[in-house]
Protein backbone atom coordinates (compact mmCIF):
# COMPACT_ATOMS: atom_id res chain seq x y z
CA MET A 1 -0.08 0.07 0.08
CA ASN A 2 1.35 3.45 -0.88
CA THR A 3 1.00 5.49 2.32
CA GLU A 4 3.55 7.95 1.32
CA HIS A 5 0.89 10.33 0.42
CA THR A 6 -1.81 9.29 2.64
CA LEU A 7 -0.44 9.51 6.12
CA ASP A 8 0.04 13.15 5.80
CA GLU A 9 -3.71 13.54 5.70
CA LEU A 10 -4.34 11.17 8.62
CA ARG A 11 -5.85 12.13 11.91
CA THR A 12 -2.59 11.20 13.71
CA ASP A 13 -2.85 13.84 16.42
CA GLU A 14 -5.84 11.80 17.72
CA VAL A 15 -3.28 8.96 18.63
CA PRO A 16 -1.25 10.05 21.82
CA THR A 17 2.62 10.13 21.26
CA GLN A 18 5.49 11.24 23.49
CA VAL A 19 7.36 12.74 20.60
CA LYS A 20 6.91 16.39 20.16
CA ASN A 21 8.30 16.63 16.54
CA PRO A 22 5.10 16.19 14.05
CA GLU A 23 7.32 15.45 11.11
CA LEU A 24 9.20 12.81 13.02
CA VAL A 25 5.87 11.30 14.22
CA LYS A 26 4.63 11.03 10.53
CA LYS A 27 7.89 9.34 9.60
CA ARG A 28 7.93 6.81 12.24
CA ARG A 29 4.17 6.03 12.15
CA ARG A 30 4.43 5.49 8.37
CA GLN A 31 7.27 2.91 9.01
CA ILE A 32 5.05 1.34 11.77
CA VAL A 33 1.90 1.28 9.48
CA ASP A 34 3.74 -0.21 6.44
CA ALA A 35 5.14 -2.97 8.54
CA ALA A 36 1.97 -3.50 10.52
CA VAL A 37 -0.33 -3.92 7.60
CA GLN A 38 1.54 -6.78 5.94
CA LEU A 39 1.92 -8.62 9.38
CA PHE A 40 -1.83 -8.02 10.08
CA ILE A 41 -2.61 -9.44 6.49
CA GLU A 42 -0.35 -12.49 6.86
CA LYS A 43 -0.81 -13.28 10.50
CA GLY A 44 -4.10 -11.59 11.69
CA PHE A 45 -4.11 -8.90 14.53
CA HIS A 46 -4.17 -11.12 17.48
CA LYS A 47 -1.10 -13.29 16.39
CA THR A 48 0.86 -10.20 15.57
CA THR A 49 2.77 -8.81 18.67
CA THR A 50 4.06 -5.27 18.93
CA ARG A 51 7.58 -6.71 19.04
CA LYS A 52 7.05 -8.10 15.65
CA ILE A 53 5.80 -4.94 14.41
CA ALA A 54 8.86 -3.11 16.01
CA ASP A 55 11.17 -5.59 14.19
CA ALA A 56 9.57 -5.25 10.94
CA SER A 57 9.65 -1.33 11.33
CA GLY A 58 13.13 -1.30 11.94
CA ILE A 59 12.89 0.52 15.32
CA SER A 60 13.25 -0.73 18.87
CA ILE A 61 10.26 -1.83 20.88
CA GLY A 62 10.75 1.00 23.33
CA SER A 63 10.86 3.52 20.51
CA LEU A 64 7.62 2.18 19.14
CA TYR A 65 5.69 2.93 22.36
CA GLU A 66 6.92 6.51 22.14
CA TYR A 67 4.77 6.85 18.90
CA VAL A 68 1.74 4.55 20.04
CA THR A 69 0.45 3.40 23.32
CA SER A 70 -0.94 -0.02 21.99
CA LYS A 71 -1.35 -2.45 19.33
CA GLU A 72 -4.88 -1.14 19.02
CA ASP A 73 -3.40 2.34 18.21
CA VAL A 74 -1.49 0.68 15.30
CA LEU A 75 -4.68 -1.08 14.15
CA TYR A 76 -6.42 2.30 13.92
CA LEU A 77 -3.67 3.94 12.25
CA VAL A 78 -3.50 0.88 9.63
CA CYS A 79 -7.39 1.43 9.15
CA ASP A 80 -7.03 5.15 8.67
CA ALA A 81 -4.24 4.86 6.08
CA ILE A 82 -6.17 2.24 4.00
CA HIS A 83 -9.19 4.60 4.21
CA ALA A 84 -7.11 7.48 3.32
CA GLU A 85 -5.72 5.88 0.13
CA VAL A 86 -9.23 4.51 -1.08
CA GLU A 87 -10.77 8.15 -0.38
CA CYS A 88 -7.66 9.85 -2.23
CA SER A 89 -7.81 7.44 -5.06
CA LEU A 90 -11.66 7.64 -5.41
CA ALA A 91 -11.63 11.40 -5.03
CA ALA A 92 -9.07 11.90 -7.75
CA ALA A 93 -10.88 9.55 -10.12
CA LEU A 94 -14.25 11.45 -9.36
CA LEU A 95 -12.71 14.73 -10.41
CA ARG A 96 -11.94 13.23 -13.77
CA LEU A 97 -15.57 12.78 -14.67
CA GLU A 98 -16.69 15.03 -17.42
CA GLN A 99 -19.68 13.56 -19.40
CA LYS A 100 -22.93 13.54 -17.60
CA GLU A 101 -24.43 10.77 -19.45
CA LYS A 102 -21.73 8.35 -18.19
CA VAL A 103 -21.11 9.44 -14.71
CA LEU A 104 -22.96 6.67 -12.88
CA GLU A 105 -21.11 4.09 -14.93
CA GLU A 106 -17.79 5.70 -14.41
CA VAL A 107 -18.46 6.38 -10.61
CA MET A 108 -18.90 2.38 -10.25
CA ARG A 109 -16.05 1.35 -12.49
CA GLU A 110 -13.23 3.67 -10.71
CA TYR A 111 -14.64 2.57 -7.30
CA PHE A 112 -14.68 -1.06 -8.02
CA PHE A 113 -11.20 -0.89 -9.51
CA VAL A 114 -9.85 0.81 -6.15
CA CYS A 115 -11.83 -2.15 -4.37
CA ASP A 116 -9.89 -4.63 -6.61
CA ARG A 117 -6.67 -3.08 -6.23
CA MET A 118 -6.86 -2.87 -2.42
CA SER A 119 -8.82 -6.03 -1.73
CA ASP A 120 -6.52 -7.47 0.91
CA HIS A 121 -6.33 -4.09 2.90
CA ILE A 122 -10.09 -3.52 2.64
CA LEU A 123 -10.62 -7.13 3.87
CA LEU A 124 -8.25 -6.87 6.85
CA MET A 125 -9.92 -3.64 7.86
CA TYR A 126 -13.30 -5.21 8.02
CA GLN A 127 -11.95 -8.30 9.83
CA GLU A 128 -10.29 -6.48 12.58
CA THR A 129 -12.23 -3.44 13.09
CA GLN A 130 -13.96 -5.31 15.99
CA ASN A 131 -10.89 -5.30 17.77
CA LEU A 132 -10.76 -1.53 17.84
CA PRO A 133 -11.78 0.42 20.97
CA MET A 134 -15.15 2.07 20.56
CA GLN A 135 -13.41 5.48 20.28
CA TRP A 136 -11.42 4.30 17.24
CA ARG A 137 -14.26 2.13 15.69
CA ASN A 138 -16.51 5.06 15.50
CA LYS A 139 -13.94 7.14 13.75
CA VAL A 140 -13.67 4.33 11.14
CA PHE A 141 -17.29 4.29 10.65
CA GLU A 142 -17.33 8.06 10.19
CA THR A 143 -14.69 7.72 7.58
CA GLU A 144 -16.80 4.97 5.80
CA ILE A 145 -19.67 7.46 5.76
CA ARG A 146 -17.70 10.27 4.34
CA ILE A 147 -16.28 8.24 1.45
CA THR A 148 -19.85 7.11 0.70
CA GLN A 149 -20.73 10.66 0.65
CA LEU A 150 -18.37 11.24 -2.26
CA PHE A 151 -20.84 9.37 -4.39
CA VAL A 152 -23.56 11.40 -3.20
CA ASP A 153 -21.83 14.63 -4.05
CA VAL A 154 -21.17 13.76 -7.61
CA PHE A 155 -24.83 12.67 -8.20
CA ASN A 156 -25.96 16.19 -6.78
CA LYS A 157 -23.18 17.96 -8.69
CA PHE A 158 -24.39 16.62 -12.10
CA ASN A 159 -27.97 16.67 -11.11
CA LEU A 160 -28.21 12.96 -12.18
CA PHE A 161 -31.41 12.15 -10.20
CA THR A 162 -33.33 15.35 -9.91
CA THR A 163 -35.85 17.03 -11.95
CA PRO A 164 -35.53 20.79 -13.35
CA ASN A 165 -37.45 21.94 -10.51
CA GLY A 166 -34.91 20.13 -8.02
CA THR A 167 -37.30 17.12 -7.17
CA SER A 168 -35.21 14.05 -6.30
CA LEU A 169 -36.17 11.03 -8.45
CA ILE A 170 -34.41 8.40 -6.17
CA ASN A 171 -32.84 8.12 -2.87
CA VAL A 172 -29.33 8.94 -3.79
CA ASP A 173 -28.28 8.11 -0.11
CA ILE A 174 -29.41 4.53 -0.62
CA LEU A 175 -27.86 4.21 -4.14
CA ALA A 176 -24.37 5.35 -2.65
CA HIS A 177 -24.44 2.91 -0.03
CA THR A 178 -25.48 0.29 -2.64
CA ILE A 179 -22.56 1.02 -4.69
CA SER A 180 -20.34 1.01 -1.68
CA VAL A 181 -21.49 -2.38 -0.63
CA LEU A 182 -21.26 -3.83 -4.26
CA GLY A 183 -17.64 -2.90 -4.22
CA HIS A 184 -17.00 -4.78 -1.12
CA MET A 185 -18.97 -7.64 -2.45
CA TRP A 186 -15.94 -8.09 -4.79
CA VAL A 187 -13.48 -8.07 -1.83
CA PHE A 188 -15.51 -10.39 0.37
CA ARG A 189 -16.48 -13.04 -2.24
CA ARG A 190 -13.20 -12.66 -4.33
CA TRP A 191 -12.33 -16.19 -3.37
CA TYR A 192 -15.24 -17.38 -5.45
CA LEU A 193 -16.01 -14.49 -8.15
CA ALA A 194 -12.41 -14.18 -9.30
CA LYS A 195 -12.68 -17.66 -10.34
CA LYS A 196 -15.38 -17.16 -12.55
CA TYR A 197 -15.23 -13.42 -13.65
CA THR A 198 -12.71 -10.89 -14.40
CA ILE A 199 -12.93 -7.52 -12.45
CA GLU A 200 -14.25 -5.88 -15.79
CA GLU A 201 -16.84 -8.52 -16.26
CA TYR A 202 -18.03 -8.13 -12.58
CA ILE A 203 -18.06 -4.47 -13.23
CA GLN A 204 -20.15 -4.74 -16.39
CA CYS A 205 -22.64 -6.95 -14.63
CA GLN A 206 -23.31 -4.79 -11.82
CA ILE A 207 -23.61 -1.70 -13.93
CA ARG A 208 -26.17 -3.33 -15.89
CA LEU A 209 -28.15 -4.52 -12.93
CA ILE A 210 -28.08 -0.89 -11.36
CA LEU A 211 -29.01 0.57 -14.59
CA SER A 212 -31.79 -1.80 -15.42
CA GLU A 213 -33.31 -1.16 -12.02
CA LEU A 214 -33.04 2.68 -12.31
CA TYR A 215 -34.23 2.83 -15.84
CA PRO A 216 -36.38 -0.43 -16.63
CA ASN A 217 -38.01 1.32 -19.59
CA THR A 218 -35.02 2.16 -21.48
CA TYR A 219 -32.22 -0.17 -20.01
CA SER A 220 -32.58 -3.93 -19.79
CA LEU A 221 -30.04 -6.56 -18.63
CA SER A 222 -29.26 -7.65 -22.08
CA ASP A 223 -27.92 -4.20 -22.97
CA LYS A 224 -24.04 -4.15 -23.28
């Protein structure tokens, strides 16, 4: 995972540290996150010790505890780093949207590609979020909602589902959450789906399902 650009945007000040230099905190936490995410993926949260994280980070166990107070702090930083990369990648992709008539398809396409690229990381986050203290768990949930809101913002920006007088034609909040869950479906069921479909085939199938539901009179499941 590319955390080089994402950790600068993390809410790292929420995690206590004994170090006063903010740039050093970012640098060391970047090392810790890079090491921890791979260990959590390979061994799981419970089987990964802080000593293993310190060793993989290239810092001493004593130094590690100057930047975090617990393994749960490390897990929160990992979840935040994963969310930050998903959010940055999706936001950048959505900024490239230009043609109104293809916005919905492109939103789904870009998001599903992000989910595919970060499948291991997203799966890790959902498997281990339950191990976070409620304070950090709520922060993770808040970020999930913020990412989903990106879809709503795009739909509203292009007035995709509103009449000229501003009346909403569908519940865009539900649609946004539906797209979010469909992206995660590829992550959670990849063990099966990837054996039968490419990511492109999966994307095309889900786009057809959504469009045929939204526009039953003009778009059918057989449309390509």
